[in-house]
């Protein structure tokens, strides 16, 4: 395996690991802010307990997520120096903005939120968590602005052997970004919604009828349904955008080898990439054309024709990504998306039907469902990033040309760091899961972080008996 391939593997491992924490951070910050808003508006101490309970889990997740994210930025200079040199003038701006958001706005206001209970007035304290939630989501915008440039470069010109930004407005209004950002953020909201649903359901299934978990379940049921419906809607927009921006990716996740008018959609298929055919497929006539263009007889360009077009445009080479990985990642993501819609509807039924909280067995459905958005997020990331290959910046730089020269970074060096990262990350994830499990099992009134104000103590003791 070449040094570039090893660096790809290293980056994939560290990014997937980091992305376990990012969606929950994006969504749970907003959920916690909503709960504290309800506390301030309604002056009900149960919402304060909810805010602190879920806020503690948010802080655990945020801390590990920040640590794992820092590693990624070091890899750009160490393993991908040619890429960094080539797009540094463009890539540096959004990364700098993300750094300012993460290490100044988010960190400062998280500190104020943690230590500001009973020190700041309620309105100011509420403002701090909303600023954290806004900062987290704006940070995501800047990272996705950089990634969207890699997927669909805009607002630049080539000067010598590197790219130079000519239009910052084009960079932040990239049509690819306009679809990717809301899709990613809503996926984060879905992750947080199912996280809250699952932990609340665990307590309810254990016959803990605390108002904290009943109300948390109600909020999360609506939050989850709205979020996952939004994910599906934005995913549909992304698919339609691929027709013009990334036709190769569109054909790849369908495994469409031949150009078709009124193209069918394969529900499942056996794919032979070497022979460029699908020996077996269960297909729905016309469905791909409808999904991609809203037209029954629209032409969808196949992989073979796209390969020829790319060879004419960019020269000899193999421009088709890993089709089986694309095909099944897409179906895992979509399948789990629709399953989560069904579960969200069931959750709303349970949350708002009288005496539904007595239906203990149904709540166990939502405990394993905590994993569903994590699996879907990972599948979606794999589809997005592998679908761009063999390009690191589509149409401008091939991945094989983006790595650090092997005279400086040898394969054994990359292998040793991969092993090191795996060991460190294994320790971190054990610590993270242990802490999440430990604090999520506790009843909020027993939580060490709940030093309630005197006016709240009596009410809190009543609702958590």
Protein backbone atom coordinates (compact mmCIF):
# COMPACT_ATOMS: atom_id res chain seq x y z
CA UNK A 1 0.00 0.00 0.00
CA UNK A 2 1.40 3.41 -0.99
CA UNK A 3 2.01 6.28 1.40
CA UNK A 4 -0.91 8.18 -0.11
CA UNK A 5 -3.25 5.22 0.39
CA UNK A 6 -2.07 4.89 3.99
CA UNK A 7 -2.63 8.60 4.54
CA UNK A 8 -6.14 8.23 3.11
CA UNK A 9 -6.79 5.38 5.52
CA UNK A 10 -5.46 7.42 8.42
CA UNK A 11 -7.57 10.43 7.52
CA UNK A 12 -10.66 8.24 7.05
CA UNK A 13 -10.21 6.64 10.47
CA UNK A 14 -9.69 9.92 12.31
CA UNK A 15 -12.49 11.70 10.44
CA UNK A 16 -15.05 8.95 11.01
CA UNK A 17 -14.13 8.89 14.68
CA UNK A 18 -14.38 12.68 14.97
CA UNK A 19 -17.69 12.64 13.13
CA UNK A 20 -19.21 10.43 15.84
CA UNK A 21 -19.13 13.49 18.10
CA UNK A 22 -19.83 16.37 15.72
CA UNK A 23 -23.50 15.67 14.88
CA UNK A 24 -24.46 15.18 18.53
CA UNK A 25 -22.66 18.41 19.46
CA UNK A 26 -24.50 20.30 16.70
CA UNK A 27 -27.92 19.02 17.71
CA UNK A 28 -27.66 18.65 21.49
CA UNK A 29 -26.50 22.26 21.91
CA UNK A 30 -29.80 23.37 20.38
CA UNK A 31 -31.86 20.89 22.44
CA UNK A 32 -30.25 22.12 25.66
CA UNK A 33 -30.84 25.74 24.62
CA UNK A 34 -34.52 24.98 23.94
CA UNK A 35 -34.89 23.36 27.37
CA UNK A 36 -33.31 26.31 29.15
CA UNK A 37 -35.53 28.67 27.17
CA UNK A 38 -38.58 26.76 28.46
CA UNK A 39 -37.18 27.07 31.99
CA UNK A 40 -36.72 30.84 31.69
CA UNK A 41 -40.11 31.41 30.04
CA UNK A 42 -42.21 29.04 32.15
CA UNK A 43 -40.18 29.34 35.37
CA UNK A 44 -40.66 25.60 35.87
CA UNK A 45 -37.69 24.02 37.71
CA UNK A 46 -38.20 20.70 35.93
CA UNK A 47 -36.86 22.32 32.77
CA UNK A 48 -33.81 23.46 34.73
CA UNK A 49 -33.17 19.86 35.77
CA UNK A 50 -33.56 18.80 32.15
CA UNK A 51 -31.17 21.50 30.97
CA UNK A 52 -28.45 20.49 33.43
CA UNK A 53 -28.92 16.76 32.85
CA UNK A 54 -28.63 16.93 29.06
CA UNK A 55 -26.11 19.76 29.32
CA UNK A 56 -23.73 17.50 31.22
CA UNK A 57 -23.91 14.89 28.46
CA UNK A 58 -23.37 17.64 25.88
CA UNK A 59 -20.20 18.80 27.65
CA UNK A 60 -18.75 15.27 27.77
CA UNK A 61 -19.38 14.82 24.05
CA UNK A 62 -18.08 18.30 23.19
CA UNK A 63 -14.81 17.83 25.07
CA UNK A 64 -13.89 14.60 23.27
CA UNK A 65 -15.05 15.99 19.92
CA UNK A 66 -12.74 19.02 20.17
CA UNK A 67 -9.71 16.85 20.99
CA UNK A 68 -10.30 14.52 18.05
CA UNK A 69 -10.91 17.42 15.66
CA UNK A 70 -7.54 19.04 16.33
CA UNK A 71 -5.77 15.95 14.97
CA UNK A 72 -7.39 16.41 11.56
CA UNK A 73 -5.93 19.85 11.01
CA UNK A 74 -2.41 18.64 11.78
CA UNK A 75 -2.77 15.95 9.12
CA UNK A 76 -3.22 18.54 6.37
CA UNK A 77 0.31 19.79 6.91
CA UNK A 78 1.93 16.48 7.78
CA UNK A 79 0.35 14.01 5.34
CA UNK A 80 -1.16 16.28 2.69
CA UNK A 81 1.38 19.04 2.20
CA UNK A 82 0.94 19.19 -1.59
CA UNK A 83 -2.79 19.61 -1.14
CA UNK A 84 -2.25 22.29 1.52
CA UNK A 85 0.11 24.19 -0.75
CA UNK A 86 -2.24 23.87 -3.73
CA UNK A 87 -5.41 25.14 -2.02
CA UNK A 88 -3.99 26.89 1.05
CA UNK A 89 -5.09 30.34 -0.14
CA UNK A 90 -8.68 29.08 -0.32
CA UNK A 91 -8.84 26.41 2.37
CA UNK A 92 -7.15 28.57 5.01
CA UNK A 93 -9.91 31.18 5.23
CA UNK A 94 -12.82 28.92 6.27
CA UNK A 95 -10.55 26.88 8.57
CA UNK A 96 -9.41 30.08 10.30
CA UNK A 97 -13.02 31.19 10.73
CA UNK A 98 -13.93 27.78 12.16
CA UNK A 99 -11.01 28.01 14.57
CA UNK A 100 -12.18 31.41 15.79
CA UNK A 101 -15.68 30.05 16.34
CA UNK A 102 -14.57 26.87 18.10
CA UNK A 103 -11.83 28.24 20.32
CA UNK A 104 -13.19 31.68 21.10
CA UNK A 105 -16.97 31.95 20.75
CA UNK A 106 -17.85 28.38 21.76
CA UNK A 107 -15.21 27.91 24.43
CA UNK A 108 -15.76 31.28 26.11
CA UNK A 109 -19.51 30.94 26.30
CA UNK A 110 -19.41 27.29 27.34
CA UNK A 111 -17.28 28.43 30.28
CA UNK A 112 -19.76 31.17 31.14
CA UNK A 113 -22.63 28.70 30.87
CA UNK A 114 -20.97 26.11 33.13
CA UNK A 115 -19.94 28.54 35.86
CA UNK A 116 -22.70 31.09 35.40
CA UNK A 117 -25.52 29.19 37.10
CA UNK A 118 -26.75 31.35 40.03
CA UNK A 119 -24.12 33.99 39.10
CA UNK A 120 -25.65 35.44 35.92
CA UNK A 121 -29.28 36.44 35.70
CA UNK A 122 -31.48 33.96 33.86
CA UNK A 123 -31.65 35.95 30.62
CA UNK A 124 -27.89 36.36 30.33
CA UNK A 125 -27.28 32.74 31.21
CA UNK A 126 -29.77 31.66 28.56
CA UNK A 127 -27.95 33.86 26.03
CA UNK A 128 -24.68 32.02 26.68
CA UNK A 129 -26.06 28.60 25.71
CA UNK A 130 -27.73 30.02 22.61
CA UNK A 131 -24.42 31.60 21.60
CA UNK A 132 -22.77 28.20 22.07
CA UNK A 133 -25.44 26.57 19.90
CA UNK A 134 -25.06 29.23 17.22
CA UNK A 135 -21.27 29.01 17.36
CA UNK A 136 -21.29 25.23 16.98
CA UNK A 137 -23.50 25.43 13.92
CA UNK A 138 -21.56 28.32 12.36
CA UNK A 139 -18.36 26.31 12.88
CA UNK A 140 -19.99 23.52 10.90
CA UNK A 141 -20.77 26.01 8.14
CA UNK A 142 -17.11 26.98 7.71
CA UNK A 143 -15.89 23.38 7.67
CA UNK A 144 -18.54 22.48 5.11
CA UNK A 145 -17.64 25.54 3.03
CA UNK A 146 -14.12 24.12 2.71
CA UNK A 147 -15.40 20.63 1.97
CA UNK A 148 -17.91 21.93 -0.58
CA UNK A 149 -15.08 23.61 -2.48
CA UNK A 150 -13.41 20.21 -2.74
CA UNK A 151 -16.65 18.75 -4.09
CA UNK A 152 -17.57 21.64 -6.41
CA UNK A 153 -14.84 24.30 -6.77
CA UNK A 154 -16.09 27.89 -7.27
CA UNK A 155 -14.73 31.44 -6.95
CA UNK A 156 -11.09 30.73 -7.79
CA UNK A 157 -8.48 30.90 -10.50
CA UNK A 158 -5.32 28.91 -11.08
CA UNK A 159 -2.14 30.96 -10.65
CA UNK A 160 0.93 28.93 -11.51
CA UNK A 161 0.75 25.65 -9.65
CA UNK A 162 -1.83 26.63 -7.02
CA UNK A 163 -5.39 27.92 -6.69
CA UNK A 164 -6.17 31.45 -5.55
CA UNK A 165 -9.49 32.67 -4.16
CA UNK A 166 -11.07 35.38 -6.33
CA UNK A 167 -14.54 35.55 -4.81
CA UNK A 168 -15.21 34.95 -1.12
CA UNK A 169 -18.93 35.41 -1.71
CA UNK A 170 -18.86 32.62 -4.30
CA UNK A 171 -17.13 30.35 -1.76
CA UNK A 172 -19.81 30.85 0.91
CA UNK A 173 -22.72 30.70 -1.55
CA UNK A 174 -21.46 27.61 -3.32
CA UNK A 175 -24.60 25.78 -4.55
CA UNK A 176 -23.16 22.53 -3.21
CA UNK A 177 -22.79 24.14 0.24
CA UNK A 178 -26.38 25.41 0.16
CA UNK A 179 -27.54 21.80 0.11
CA UNK A 180 -24.81 20.17 2.18
CA UNK A 181 -24.93 22.53 5.17
CA UNK A 182 -28.63 22.16 6.07
CA UNK A 183 -28.47 18.43 5.33
CA UNK A 184 -25.55 17.99 7.75
CA UNK A 185 -27.01 20.25 10.45
CA UNK A 186 -30.38 18.51 10.31
CA UNK A 187 -28.58 15.16 10.53
CA UNK A 188 -27.01 16.50 13.73
CA UNK A 189 -30.43 17.49 15.05
CA UNK A 190 -31.67 13.97 14.25
CA UNK A 191 -28.72 12.48 16.14
CA UNK A 192 -29.48 14.60 19.20
CA UNK A 193 -33.19 13.84 18.98
CA UNK A 194 -32.64 10.08 18.99
CA UNK A 195 -29.99 10.41 21.70
CA UNK A 196 -32.51 12.12 23.98
CA UNK A 197 -35.30 9.74 22.94
CA UNK A 198 -33.19 6.67 23.63
CA UNK A 199 -31.93 7.70 27.07
CA UNK A 200 -35.35 9.00 28.13
CA UNK A 201 -36.96 5.79 26.88
CA UNK A 202 -34.45 3.76 28.89
CA UNK A 203 -35.55 5.47 32.09
CA UNK A 204 -39.23 5.23 31.22
CA UNK A 205 -38.89 1.53 30.38
CA UNK A 206 -37.27 1.07 33.79
CA UNK A 207 -40.50 2.52 35.28
CA UNK A 208 -38.84 5.76 36.27
CA UNK A 209 -41.76 8.13 35.69
CA UNK A 210 -39.84 11.31 36.42
CA UNK A 211 -41.25 14.37 34.70
CA UNK A 212 -37.72 15.06 33.48
CA UNK A 213 -37.76 12.06 31.17
CA UNK A 214 -41.40 12.29 30.19
CA UNK A 215 -40.95 15.90 29.06
CA UNK A 216 -37.59 15.15 27.45
CA UNK A 217 -39.19 12.33 25.48
CA UNK A 218 -41.99 14.64 24.31
CA UNK A 219 -39.60 17.37 23.17
CA UNK A 220 -37.29 14.90 21.45
CA UNK A 221 -40.13 13.15 19.61
CA UNK A 222 -41.18 16.35 17.81
CA UNK A 223 -37.59 17.53 17.38
CA UNK A 224 -36.60 14.19 15.83
CA UNK A 225 -39.49 14.02 13.38
CA UNK A 226 -38.98 17.58 12.12
CA UNK A 227 -35.23 17.01 11.83
CA UNK A 228 -35.34 13.68 9.99
CA UNK A 229 -38.01 14.96 7.57
CA UNK A 230 -35.70 17.90 6.90
CA UNK A 231 -32.78 15.53 6.29
CA UNK A 232 -34.82 13.61 3.71
CA UNK A 233 -35.95 16.82 2.00
CA UNK A 234 -32.43 18.23 1.80
CA UNK A 235 -31.08 14.86 0.67
CA UNK A 236 -33.53 14.99 -2.19
CA UNK A 237 -32.23 18.45 -3.12
CA UNK A 238 -28.65 17.19 -2.96
CA UNK A 239 -29.51 14.33 -5.28
CA UNK A 240 -31.01 16.69 -7.82
CA UNK A 241 -27.95 18.94 -7.58
CA UNK A 242 -25.69 16.01 -8.44
CA UNK A 243 -27.21 15.85 -11.94
CA UNK A 244 -25.21 18.94 -12.89
CA UNK A 245 -22.52 19.23 -10.19
CA UNK A 246 -21.49 15.58 -9.64
CA UNK A 247 -23.04 13.28 -12.27
CA UNK A 248 -20.39 10.62 -11.58
CA UNK A 249 -21.44 10.41 -7.94
CA UNK A 250 -25.11 10.16 -8.94
CA UNK A 251 -24.42 7.27 -11.30
CA UNK A 252 -22.10 5.64 -8.77
CA UNK A 253 -24.52 5.36 -5.87
CA UNK A 254 -27.03 3.79 -8.28
CA UNK A 255 -24.46 1.56 -10.01
CA UNK A 256 -25.75 2.84 -13.36
CA UNK A 257 -23.26 1.68 -16.01
CA UNK A 258 -25.20 2.59 -19.16
CA UNK A 259 -26.85 5.90 -20.01
CA UNK A 260 -30.62 5.58 -19.76
CA UNK A 261 -33.68 7.66 -20.53
CA UNK A 262 -36.31 6.99 -17.91
CA UNK A 263 -33.64 5.41 -15.72
CA UNK A 264 -34.73 2.82 -13.19
CA UNK A 265 -33.68 2.67 -9.53
CA UNK A 266 -32.06 -0.46 -8.09
CA UNK A 267 -33.41 -1.39 -4.68
CA UNK A 268 -30.67 -4.01 -4.28
CA UNK A 269 -28.05 -5.24 -6.74
CA UNK A 270 -24.96 -7.38 -7.13
CA UNK A 271 -22.23 -5.19 -8.61
CA UNK A 272 -19.20 -6.40 -10.56
CA UNK A 273 -17.02 -3.34 -10.98
CA UNK A 274 -14.30 -5.20 -12.86
CA UNK A 275 -16.75 -6.28 -15.57
CA UNK A 276 -18.72 -3.03 -15.31
CA UNK A 277 -22.08 -4.73 -14.89
CA UNK A 278 -24.67 -5.66 -12.30
CA UNK A 279 -25.37 -9.40 -12.66
CA UNK A 280 -28.48 -9.17 -10.50
CA UNK A 281 -30.69 -6.22 -9.59
CA UNK A 282 -34.21 -5.54 -8.32
CA UNK A 283 -35.22 -2.34 -10.09
CA UNK A 284 -38.08 0.15 -9.99
CA UNK A 285 -38.71 1.51 -13.54
CA UNK A 286 -38.26 5.28 -14.10
CA UNK A 287 -37.65 5.93 -10.39
CA UNK A 288 -34.06 7.24 -10.71
CA UNK A 289 -35.07 9.78 -13.35
CA UNK A 290 -37.95 10.92 -11.15
CA UNK A 291 -35.75 11.21 -8.05
CA UNK A 292 -32.98 13.05 -9.90
CA UNK A 293 -35.03 15.43 -12.07
CA UNK A 294 -38.76 15.03 -11.26
CA UNK A 295 -39.18 13.90 -14.87
CA UNK A 296 -40.28 10.44 -15.94
CA UNK A 297 -38.16 10.18 -19.10
CA UNK A 298 -35.08 12.22 -18.12
CA UNK A 299 -31.71 11.01 -19.35
CA UNK A 300 -29.23 9.96 -16.66
CA UNK A 301 -25.65 9.60 -17.89
CA UNK A 302 -24.10 6.23 -17.06
CA UNK A 303 -20.68 5.49 -15.60
CA UNK A 304 -19.17 4.25 -18.87
CA UNK A 305 -20.04 7.46 -20.74
CA UNK A 306 -18.91 9.60 -17.82
CA UNK A 307 -15.57 7.75 -17.80
CA UNK A 308 -15.12 8.59 -21.50
CA UNK A 309 -16.03 12.24 -20.90
CA UNK A 310 -13.53 12.50 -18.06
CA UNK A 311 -10.78 10.93 -20.15
CA UNK A 312 -11.43 13.44 -22.93
CA UNK A 313 -11.43 16.32 -20.46
CA UNK A 314 -8.67 15.34 -18.02
CA UNK A 315 -6.59 12.72 -19.83
CA UNK A 316 -6.09 9.01 -19.36
CA UNK A 317 -7.05 7.60 -15.98
CA UNK A 318 -9.76 5.76 -14.07
CA UNK A 319 -12.36 8.22 -12.81
CA UNK A 320 -14.99 5.83 -11.42
CA UNK A 321 -15.14 5.59 -7.58
CA UNK A 322 -15.74 2.49 -5.47
CA UNK A 323 -19.24 1.51 -6.68
CA UNK A 324 -20.17 -1.21 -4.12
CA UNK A 325 -19.19 1.07 -1.23
CA UNK A 326 -21.19 3.95 -2.73
CA UNK A 327 -24.18 1.77 -3.57
CA UNK A 328 -24.61 0.22 -0.15
CA UNK A 329 -23.69 3.33 1.84
CA UNK A 330 -26.48 5.20 0.11
CA UNK A 331 -29.03 2.47 0.83
CA UNK A 332 -28.01 2.15 4.47
CA UNK A 333 -28.34 5.91 4.91
CA UNK A 334 -31.72 6.16 3.16
CA UNK A 335 -33.12 3.01 4.76
CA UNK A 336 -32.26 4.20 8.26
CA UNK A 337 -33.67 7.63 7.44
CA UNK A 338 -37.11 6.24 6.69
CA UNK A 339 -36.92 3.90 9.69
CA UNK A 340 -36.22 6.92 11.90
CA UNK A 341 -39.26 8.71 10.46
CA UNK A 342 -41.41 5.74 11.50
CA UNK A 343 -39.86 5.63 14.97
CA UNK A 344 -40.36 9.39 15.41
CA UNK A 345 -44.06 9.03 14.60
CA UNK A 346 -44.34 6.17 17.13
CA UNK A 347 -42.54 8.35 19.69
CA UNK A 348 -45.01 11.21 19.20
CA UNK A 349 -47.90 8.75 19.61
CA UNK A 350 -46.37 7.48 22.86
CA UNK A 351 -45.53 10.94 24.14
CA UNK A 352 -48.91 12.56 23.67
CA UNK A 353 -51.38 9.68 24.10
CA UNK A 354 -52.92 9.50 27.55
CA UNK A 355 -51.40 6.73 29.69
CA UNK A 356 -48.96 5.87 26.89
CA UNK A 357 -46.07 6.15 29.37
CA UNK A 358 -47.37 2.94 30.90
CA UNK A 359 -46.60 0.98 27.71
CA UNK A 360 -43.18 -0.06 28.96
CA UNK A 361 -42.23 -2.54 26.24
CA UNK A 362 -42.58 -0.04 23.40
CA UNK A 363 -40.00 2.27 24.94
CA UNK A 364 -37.29 -0.37 24.54
CA UNK A 365 -37.54 0.26 20.76
CA UNK A 366 -35.77 3.59 21.18
CA UNK A 367 -32.72 2.43 23.15
CA UNK A 368 -30.92 0.66 20.26
CA UNK A 369 -32.26 3.37 17.92
CA UNK A 370 -29.69 5.75 19.44
CA UNK A 371 -27.21 4.11 17.06
CA UNK A 372 -29.27 4.63 13.90
CA UNK A 373 -28.29 8.25 13.14
CA UNK A 374 -24.64 7.47 13.90
CA UNK A 375 -24.67 4.65 11.35
CA UNK A 376 -26.54 6.80 8.82
CA UNK A 377 -24.13 9.73 9.32
CA UNK A 378 -21.11 7.50 8.76
CA UNK A 379 -22.66 5.93 5.66
CA UNK A 380 -23.48 9.38 4.28
CA UNK A 381 -19.93 10.62 4.89
CA UNK A 382 -18.46 7.57 3.16
CA UNK A 383 -20.75 8.12 0.18
CA UNK A 384 -19.92 11.83 -0.03
CA UNK A 385 -16.15 11.50 0.20
CA UNK A 386 -15.55 8.31 -1.76
CA UNK A 387 -17.89 9.53 -4.48
CA UNK A 388 -15.48 12.40 -5.22
CA UNK A 389 -12.55 10.05 -5.84
CA UNK A 390 -10.09 9.98 -7.53
CA UNK A 391 -10.18 13.76 -6.98
CA UNK A 392 -9.20 15.58 -3.80
CA UNK A 393 -10.44 18.82 -5.41
CA UNK A 394 -12.85 17.83 -8.13
CA UNK A 395 -11.44 18.52 -11.59
CA UNK A 396 -8.39 20.32 -10.21
CA UNK A 397 -6.22 17.94 -8.19
CA UNK A 398 -6.07 14.16 -8.04
CA UNK A 399 -5.77 12.53 -4.63
CA UNK A 400 -2.62 10.68 -5.69
CA UNK A 401 -0.89 14.07 -6.22
CA UNK A 402 -2.05 15.61 -2.93
CA UNK A 403 0.10 13.77 -0.39
CA UNK A 404 3.37 14.69 1.23
CA UNK A 405 6.36 13.36 -0.79
CA UNK A 406 7.45 9.99 0.57
CA UNK A 407 11.01 11.26 1.03
CA UNK A 408 9.60 13.23 3.96
CA UNK A 409 6.81 10.90 5.15
CA UNK A 410 7.54 7.21 4.69
CA UNK A 411 4.91 4.43 4.82
CA UNK A 412 6.19 3.05 8.14
CA UNK A 413 5.72 6.49 9.69
CA UNK A 414 2.08 6.61 8.61
CA UNK A 415 1.48 3.04 9.80
CA UNK A 416 2.93 3.87 13.22
CA UNK A 417 0.69 6.93 13.57
CA UNK A 418 -2.36 4.92 12.48
CA UNK A 419 -1.62 2.40 15.23
CA UNK A 420 -1.06 5.23 17.70
CA UNK A 421 -4.31 6.97 16.78
CA UNK A 422 -6.26 3.73 17.04
CA UNK A 423 -4.90 3.07 20.53
CA UNK A 424 -5.51 6.61 21.77
CA UNK A 425 -8.95 6.78 20.18
CA UNK A 426 -9.89 3.42 21.67
CA UNK A 427 -9.04 4.79 25.11
CA UNK A 428 -10.96 8.01 24.45
CA UNK A 429 -14.08 6.23 23.23
CA UNK A 430 -14.05 3.90 26.26
CA UNK A 431 -13.82 6.95 28.55
CA UNK A 432 -16.54 8.77 26.60
CA UNK A 433 -18.96 5.83 26.60
CA UNK A 434 -18.26 5.19 30.29
CA UNK A 435 -18.99 8.80 31.24
CA UNK A 436 -22.07 9.05 29.01
CA UNK A 437 -23.42 5.77 30.43
CA UNK A 438 -22.61 6.79 34.00
CA UNK A 439 -24.28 10.20 33.90
CA UNK A 440 -27.19 9.19 31.67
CA UNK A 441 -28.25 6.45 34.13
CA UNK A 442 -28.54 8.86 37.05
CA UNK A 443 -31.76 10.49 38.12
CA UNK A 444 -31.31 14.27 37.57
CA UNK A 445 -31.94 15.28 41.18
CA UNK A 446 -29.02 13.03 42.22
CA UNK A 447 -26.72 14.50 39.60
CA UNK A 448 -23.61 16.08 41.07
CA UNK A 449 -23.99 19.11 38.82
CA UNK A 450 -27.44 19.99 40.14
CA UNK A 451 -26.80 22.52 42.84
CA UNK A 452 -30.26 24.04 42.52
CA UNK A 453 -31.18 27.50 43.60
CA UNK A 454 -33.13 27.63 46.90
CA UNK A 455 -36.38 28.55 45.17
CA UNK A 456 -36.14 25.43 42.99
CA UNK A 457 -35.31 22.80 45.62
CA UNK A 458 -38.77 22.13 46.95
CA UNK A 459 -40.32 21.86 43.47
CA UNK A 460 -37.48 19.64 42.28
CA UNK A 461 -37.90 17.23 45.17
CA UNK A 462 -41.61 16.92 44.41
CA UNK A 463 -41.27 16.04 40.71
CA UNK A 464 -38.41 13.55 41.20
CA UNK A 465 -39.82 11.54 44.09
